[in-house]
Amino acid sequence: MKKYFVLAASAAVVLGSSCSNEEISEVSALPENGKKAIEISAYTPGLTRYDAAEATRKNLEEYDEVLKPNGAGFYMTAKYMANDEDETLMNNVHFYVDSTDVDGKCFVAEEEQTKLFYWPEELEGNVNFYAYYVGREFTTQPCTLNVSSGVDEPTMNINFDQNDRGNIDVMVASQSASTGNVGLDFKHVMAQVVVNVNYDAEYVGDLDANNVSFTLTSLTLTAPSSSTYNFSEDAITAAGEYTYSFLGQGVSVPISENQKIGTVMIPASDGPDGSACGIAVGYNVQIDGNEKSYSKSKTDGLKIIAGYKNIINVTLSGSKPISVSATVAAWQSGEDTPVDF
């Protein structure tokens, strides 16, 4: 039987511009000791994973191989000061949303069922809560918190194992409080990057040929490999470099129309400047049985922004230069920004 000693929470998924802000203000099965239990509400935006549909609150539920394969929950750390000492209230405690509760009440993982959490009786200022979602499909835990009460700039470093890069979405949330309900509003800290490839219909139309075909043989995106989220400034700074490959070795994709080649989650800086990236493509063009290979790249003028859906459209041509256009939007379609070779 699950124990709801720790907190009550709701998890609403924002779809487009709408959201639901239901809150639970009840904690069950608490002992009569006069202490105030900590209540937490968690809210999540639409979550997109590698080539998968946007997640719902099911990602915050407990994993089940058959019934809830996307379940992962989230992790919580809470720090505070008492008598000039740095104290820890929670240390990376694993929470799940109860799938059987319509209001989204949360419970702790089975191995942590014995833990109880109350507001500290001796407290200087507020308790600082830090939470993150990172799924469960990782080789090495990519998130490292540096959130001691004494540090000037609490941060979370995101550094992926090479086997995990491009596959994992990360969200963070934080809140400071001394009593009452602790509302956690999760935000994306990765750049979602979707790459589509098309062929230049105008180029094909100008050819005096009966049979023209395009085959994509390679596509890579060079972008940051890690990032740091600053809780105080609500800012994301990317670092490092990694080449994300969208096609496996020896794989080729016939291009007959505008089609999605893949979606990756990439660490990137936020703000209007985002992070610079480069794209390289290899492809074959066959005209009436004669085939020629091309290899082209773009290393400047292209950027991705953390917390946004970045759509990169690549148009293949033969003798003409290829073109690239980049769409950057808040997890939905936006205006095109042309980037020419």
Protein backbone atom coordinates (compact mmCIF):
# COMPACT_ATOMS: atom_id res chain seq x y z
CA MET A 1 0.00 0.00 0.00
CA LYS A 2 1.37 3.42 -0.94
CA LYS A 3 2.04 5.92 1.84
CA TYR A 4 1.23 9.58 1.32
CA PHE A 5 3.25 10.85 4.26
CA VAL A 6 5.32 13.33 2.36
CA LEU A 7 3.37 15.66 0.12
CA ALA A 8 0.32 16.26 -2.00
CA ALA A 9 0.68 17.62 -5.49
CA SER A 10 -1.02 18.10 -8.81
CA ALA A 11 0.62 17.84 -12.21
CA ALA A 12 -1.06 19.75 -15.03
CA VAL A 13 0.22 19.58 -18.59
CA VAL A 14 0.18 22.81 -20.56
CA LEU A 15 -1.02 22.27 -24.11
CA GLY A 16 -0.48 25.35 -26.23
CA SER A 17 -1.35 28.37 -24.10
CA SER A 18 -3.76 26.69 -21.70
CA CYS A 19 -3.07 25.06 -18.36
CA SER A 20 -4.85 23.67 -15.36
CA ASN A 21 -3.85 24.84 -11.88
CA GLU A 22 -5.61 22.40 -9.61
CA GLU A 23 -4.00 22.10 -6.18
CA ILE A 24 -4.35 19.59 -3.40
CA SER A 25 -4.23 20.84 0.17
CA GLU A 26 -4.54 17.54 1.99
CA VAL A 27 -1.92 15.16 3.36
CA SER A 28 -3.23 11.86 4.64
CA ALA A 29 -2.00 9.48 7.36
CA LEU A 30 0.11 12.08 9.18
CA PRO A 31 0.85 11.46 12.86
CA GLU A 32 -0.63 13.86 15.41
CA ASN A 33 2.59 15.61 16.42
CA GLY A 34 1.68 19.23 15.75
CA LYS A 35 4.25 19.70 12.99
CA LYS A 36 3.23 21.15 9.63
CA ALA A 37 3.68 18.80 6.72
CA ILE A 38 5.12 20.11 3.47
CA GLU A 39 2.74 20.22 0.53
CA ILE A 40 3.98 20.59 -3.05
CA SER A 41 2.22 21.20 -6.35
CA ALA A 42 4.03 20.44 -9.61
CA TYR A 43 3.14 21.90 -12.99
CA THR A 44 4.72 20.79 -16.27
CA PRO A 45 4.81 22.19 -19.80
CA GLY A 46 4.45 19.95 -22.83
CA LEU A 47 7.39 17.58 -22.83
CA THR A 48 8.87 16.26 -26.04
CA ARG A 49 11.34 13.40 -26.13
CA TYR A 50 13.53 11.95 -28.85
CA ASP A 51 11.27 11.25 -31.84
CA ALA A 52 8.31 10.69 -29.53
CA ALA A 53 4.94 12.31 -28.91
CA GLU A 54 4.72 15.10 -26.35
CA ALA A 55 4.47 13.64 -22.88
CA THR A 56 1.67 14.18 -20.39
CA ARG A 57 1.67 13.79 -16.65
CA LYS A 58 2.26 10.07 -17.29
CA ASN A 59 5.98 10.92 -17.40
CA LEU A 60 5.72 11.84 -13.72
CA GLU A 61 4.05 8.57 -12.79
CA GLU A 62 5.74 5.41 -11.53
CA TYR A 63 7.34 3.30 -14.26
CA ASP A 64 5.66 0.09 -15.34
CA GLU A 65 7.03 -1.84 -18.31
CA VAL A 66 3.54 -2.58 -19.68
CA LEU A 67 1.13 -0.05 -18.21
CA LYS A 68 3.33 3.05 -17.81
CA PRO A 69 6.49 2.65 -19.93
CA ASN A 70 7.13 6.43 -19.94
CA GLY A 71 6.84 6.84 -16.18
CA ALA A 72 9.87 8.32 -14.45
CA GLY A 73 8.83 10.74 -11.68
CA PHE A 74 10.99 13.65 -10.56
CA TYR A 75 13.67 14.32 -7.95
CA MET A 76 13.61 16.90 -5.15
CA THR A 77 16.32 18.48 -2.99
CA ALA A 78 15.55 21.03 -0.27
CA LYS A 79 18.11 23.16 1.64
CA TYR A 80 17.80 25.75 4.41
CA MET A 81 19.75 27.65 7.07
CA ALA A 82 19.28 27.15 10.82
CA ASN A 83 21.57 28.52 13.55
CA ASP A 84 23.98 29.67 10.83
CA GLU A 85 24.31 26.07 9.63
CA ASP A 86 23.56 24.70 6.19
CA GLU A 87 20.86 22.04 6.61
CA THR A 88 19.37 19.51 4.20
CA LEU A 89 15.65 18.77 4.42
CA MET A 90 15.50 16.53 1.32
CA ASN A 91 18.35 15.08 -0.68
CA ASN A 92 17.42 13.96 -4.21
CA VAL A 93 14.18 12.35 -3.03
CA HIS A 94 12.30 10.53 -5.78
CA PHE A 95 8.60 11.37 -6.20
CA TYR A 96 5.84 9.98 -8.42
CA VAL A 97 2.39 11.18 -9.37
CA ASP A 98 -0.33 8.67 -8.43
CA SER A 99 -2.00 7.55 -11.67
CA THR A 100 -5.10 6.42 -9.76
CA ASP A 101 -5.72 9.83 -8.20
CA VAL A 102 -7.57 12.27 -10.49
CA ASP A 103 -5.99 15.26 -8.74
CA GLY A 104 -2.43 14.03 -9.19
CA LYS A 105 -1.43 13.36 -5.59
CA CYS A 106 2.25 12.37 -5.25
CA PHE A 107 4.04 9.67 -3.30
CA VAL A 108 7.68 8.80 -2.71
CA ALA A 109 9.50 5.87 -4.27
CA GLU A 110 9.19 2.52 -2.53
CA GLU A 111 12.73 2.60 -1.13
CA GLU A 112 12.01 5.97 0.50
CA GLN A 113 8.58 5.23 1.98
CA THR A 114 9.78 5.60 5.57
CA LYS A 115 10.76 9.26 5.15
CA LEU A 116 8.65 12.09 6.59
CA PHE A 117 9.23 15.76 5.81
CA TYR A 118 8.03 18.73 7.86
CA TRP A 119 8.73 22.44 7.93
CA PRO A 120 11.79 23.00 10.16
CA GLU A 121 11.04 24.40 13.60
CA GLU A 122 14.28 26.41 13.50
CA LEU A 123 14.48 28.22 10.19
CA GLU A 124 16.38 31.30 9.04
CA GLY A 125 14.58 32.66 6.00
CA ASN A 126 13.05 30.12 3.61
CA VAL A 127 13.52 26.54 2.62
CA ASN A 128 14.84 26.39 -0.95
CA PHE A 129 13.36 23.58 -3.06
CA TYR A 130 15.03 22.31 -6.25
CA ALA A 131 13.45 19.70 -8.50
CA TYR A 132 14.25 18.17 -11.86
CA TYR A 133 12.86 15.68 -14.34
CA VAL A 134 15.30 13.64 -16.44
CA GLY A 135 13.33 10.55 -17.40
CA ARG A 136 14.83 7.15 -16.67
CA GLU A 137 16.59 6.07 -19.89
CA PHE A 138 20.13 7.25 -19.20
CA THR A 139 23.48 5.49 -18.94
CA THR A 140 24.82 7.94 -16.35
CA GLN A 141 22.79 10.49 -14.37
CA PRO A 142 23.39 13.74 -16.32
CA CYS A 143 22.18 16.21 -13.68
CA THR A 144 24.38 17.46 -10.83
CA LEU A 145 23.00 19.95 -8.30
CA ASN A 146 25.14 22.59 -6.57
CA VAL A 147 22.52 24.10 -4.30
CA SER A 148 23.92 24.35 -0.79
CA SER A 149 22.33 27.19 1.15
CA GLY A 150 25.68 28.93 1.43
CA VAL A 151 26.44 29.13 -2.31
CA ASP A 152 25.87 32.46 -4.04
CA GLU A 153 24.61 30.95 -7.28
CA PRO A 154 22.71 27.65 -6.97
CA THR A 155 23.09 25.75 -10.24
CA MET A 156 22.44 22.45 -11.96
CA ASN A 157 25.01 21.08 -14.41
CA ILE A 158 23.73 18.94 -17.30
CA ASN A 159 26.45 16.79 -18.84
CA PHE A 160 25.42 13.73 -20.81
CA ASP A 161 27.14 10.44 -21.29
CA GLN A 162 28.06 10.11 -24.97
CA ASN A 163 25.54 7.27 -25.33
CA ASP A 164 22.74 9.51 -24.04
CA ARG A 165 23.34 12.71 -25.96
CA GLY A 166 20.38 13.80 -28.04
CA ASN A 167 17.95 11.39 -26.41
CA ILE A 168 16.99 13.05 -23.11
CA ASP A 169 14.81 16.01 -22.20
CA VAL A 170 15.42 17.78 -18.89
CA MET A 171 13.12 20.06 -16.91
CA VAL A 172 13.83 22.02 -13.72
CA ALA A 173 11.79 23.82 -11.09
CA SER A 174 12.57 25.72 -7.90
CA GLN A 175 10.73 27.52 -5.16
CA SER A 176 11.44 29.20 -1.78
CA ALA A 177 8.92 29.03 1.04
CA SER A 178 8.65 28.77 4.81
CA THR A 179 5.12 27.35 5.09
CA GLY A 180 2.07 26.45 3.06
CA ASN A 181 1.96 24.93 -0.42
CA VAL A 182 5.19 24.82 -2.43
CA GLY A 183 4.31 25.31 -6.11
CA LEU A 184 6.84 23.91 -8.57
CA ASP A 185 6.57 25.24 -12.11
CA PHE A 186 8.76 23.07 -14.32
CA LYS A 187 10.48 24.56 -17.38
CA HIS A 188 12.42 23.08 -20.28
CA VAL A 189 16.20 23.59 -20.21
CA MET A 190 17.02 21.78 -23.43
CA ALA A 191 16.63 22.89 -27.04
CA GLN A 192 14.31 20.61 -28.96
CA VAL A 193 15.68 20.41 -32.50
CA VAL A 194 13.69 18.92 -35.39
CA VAL A 195 15.38 18.50 -38.77
CA ASN A 196 13.34 18.18 -41.96
CA VAL A 197 14.78 17.56 -45.44
CA ASN A 198 13.21 18.32 -48.82
CA TYR A 199 14.45 18.59 -52.39
CA ASP A 200 14.41 21.73 -54.53
CA ALA A 201 11.34 21.32 -56.73
CA GLU A 202 12.29 24.35 -58.83
CA TYR A 203 15.69 22.82 -59.59
CA VAL A 204 14.05 19.53 -60.61
CA GLY A 205 11.55 21.39 -62.78
CA ASP A 206 14.35 23.12 -64.68
CA LEU A 207 16.01 19.83 -65.58
CA ASP A 208 15.43 18.24 -68.96
CA ALA A 209 15.14 14.80 -67.41
CA ASN A 210 12.59 12.02 -67.01
CA ASN A 211 13.89 10.56 -63.77
CA VAL A 212 15.34 12.61 -60.87
CA SER A 213 15.79 11.33 -57.31
CA PHE A 214 17.51 12.48 -54.12
CA THR A 215 18.95 10.19 -51.44
CA LEU A 216 20.20 11.52 -48.09
CA THR A 217 23.33 9.63 -46.96
CA SER A 218 24.40 11.64 -43.91
CA LEU A 219 23.18 14.50 -41.74
CA THR A 220 24.97 15.88 -38.69
CA LEU A 221 24.45 18.84 -36.40
CA THR A 222 27.38 20.28 -34.43
CA ALA A 223 26.15 21.89 -31.22
CA PRO A 224 26.92 22.14 -27.45
CA SER A 225 27.36 18.99 -25.38
CA SER A 226 26.50 20.34 -21.90
CA SER A 227 24.84 23.23 -20.13
CA THR A 228 24.39 24.87 -16.72
CA TYR A 229 21.11 26.17 -15.33
CA ASN A 230 21.36 29.07 -12.86
CA PHE A 231 18.38 28.97 -10.49
CA SER A 232 18.82 32.54 -9.18
CA GLU A 233 19.01 34.13 -12.63
CA ASP A 234 16.76 31.60 -14.39
CA ALA A 235 19.41 31.43 -17.10
CA ILE A 236 20.96 28.62 -19.14
CA THR A 237 24.54 28.63 -20.44
CA ALA A 238 25.81 25.96 -22.83
CA ALA A 239 29.37 24.65 -23.25
CA GLY A 240 31.39 22.06 -25.14
CA GLU A 241 30.80 20.67 -28.61
CA TYR A 242 29.40 17.45 -29.99
CA THR A 243 28.38 16.19 -33.42
CA TYR A 244 24.85 14.77 -33.38
CA SER A 245 24.34 12.26 -36.19
CA PHE A 246 20.81 11.77 -37.48
CA LEU A 247 21.58 8.71 -39.65
CA GLY A 248 23.34 5.52 -38.70
CA GLN A 249 26.41 4.34 -40.56
CA GLY A 250 25.46 2.98 -43.96
CA VAL A 251 21.88 4.26 -43.69
CA SER A 252 20.37 6.23 -46.57
CA VAL A 253 16.97 7.89 -46.86
CA PRO A 254 15.20 8.54 -50.20
CA ILE A 255 13.83 12.09 -50.21
CA SER A 256 10.52 12.30 -52.05
CA GLU A 257 8.92 15.10 -50.07
CA ASN A 258 9.52 17.28 -47.01
CA GLN A 259 10.07 14.72 -44.29
CA LYS A 260 11.28 14.67 -40.71
CA ILE A 261 14.67 13.01 -40.36
CA GLY A 262 14.81 13.18 -36.58
CA THR A 263 14.33 15.06 -33.33
CA VAL A 264 17.07 15.57 -30.75
CA MET A 265 17.28 17.28 -27.35
CA ILE A 266 20.42 19.43 -27.23
CA PRO A 267 21.93 21.54 -24.43
CA ALA A 268 21.88 25.18 -25.50
CA SER A 269 21.98 28.68 -24.06
CA ASP A 270 18.75 30.60 -23.65
CA GLY A 271 18.01 34.20 -24.59
CA PRO A 272 17.77 35.62 -28.11
CA ASP A 273 21.35 34.64 -29.02
CA GLY A 274 21.00 30.98 -28.04
CA SER A 275 23.88 28.76 -29.15
CA ALA A 276 25.55 28.67 -32.55
CA CYS A 277 25.49 25.36 -34.38
CA GLY A 278 26.57 23.94 -37.73
CA ILE A 279 24.90 21.49 -40.07
CA ALA A 280 26.43 19.14 -42.67
CA VAL A 281 24.68 16.93 -45.20
CA GLY A 282 25.72 14.26 -47.66
CA TYR A 283 23.39 13.17 -50.45
CA ASN A 284 23.21 11.65 -53.90
CA VAL A 285 21.33 13.05 -56.88
CA GLN A 286 20.39 10.67 -59.69
CA ILE A 287 19.33 12.18 -63.04
CA ASP A 288 18.23 9.74 -65.75
CA GLY A 289 20.43 7.01 -64.29
CA ASN A 290 23.51 9.19 -63.76
CA GLU A 291 24.37 9.68 -60.08
CA LYS A 292 26.49 12.32 -58.41
CA SER A 293 27.37 12.69 -54.72
CA TYR A 294 27.36 15.98 -52.81
CA SER A 295 28.68 17.01 -49.40
CA LYS A 296 27.75 20.45 -48.12
CA SER A 297 27.77 22.25 -44.78
CA LYS A 298 26.75 25.44 -43.04
CA THR A 299 28.87 26.54 -40.09
CA ASP A 300 27.66 30.07 -39.42
CA GLY A 301 24.39 31.94 -39.08
CA LEU A 302 22.46 29.04 -37.53
CA LYS A 303 21.45 28.97 -33.86
CA ILE A 304 19.31 26.99 -31.43
CA ILE A 305 17.71 28.30 -28.24
CA ALA A 306 17.10 26.39 -25.01
CA GLY A 307 13.46 26.03 -23.96
CA TYR A 308 12.22 26.30 -27.53
CA LYS A 309 11.30 24.03 -30.41
CA ASN A 310 13.88 24.69 -33.12
CA ILE A 311 12.86 23.44 -36.57
CA ILE A 312 15.58 23.28 -39.21
CA ASN A 313 14.44 22.79 -42.81
CA VAL A 314 17.08 21.68 -45.30
CA THR A 315 16.41 21.83 -49.06
CA LEU A 316 18.64 19.72 -51.28
CA SER A 317 19.64 20.68 -54.80
CA GLY A 318 22.18 19.56 -57.40
CA SER A 319 24.40 22.17 -58.96
CA LYS A 320 22.59 24.95 -57.10
CA PRO A 321 23.44 25.69 -53.44
CA ILE A 322 21.24 24.03 -50.84
CA SER A 323 19.24 26.24 -48.50
CA VAL A 324 18.41 26.07 -44.81
CA SER A 325 15.65 27.86 -42.90
CA ALA A 326 15.29 27.84 -39.13
CA THR A 327 12.06 28.18 -37.17
CA VAL A 328 12.30 28.99 -33.47
CA ALA A 329 9.13 28.91 -31.38
CA ALA A 330 7.95 28.27 -27.84
CA TRP A 331 7.23 24.56 -28.44
CA GLN A 332 4.92 25.44 -31.31
CA SER A 333 5.23 26.72 -34.90
CA GLY A 334 6.56 30.22 -35.45
CA GLU A 335 7.93 32.47 -38.17
CA ASP A 336 10.69 31.27 -40.50
CA THR A 337 14.16 32.82 -40.37
CA PRO A 338 16.02 32.13 -43.64
CA VAL A 339 19.63 30.94 -43.50
CA ASP A 340 21.28 30.73 -46.93
CA PHE A 341 24.41 28.88 -48.07
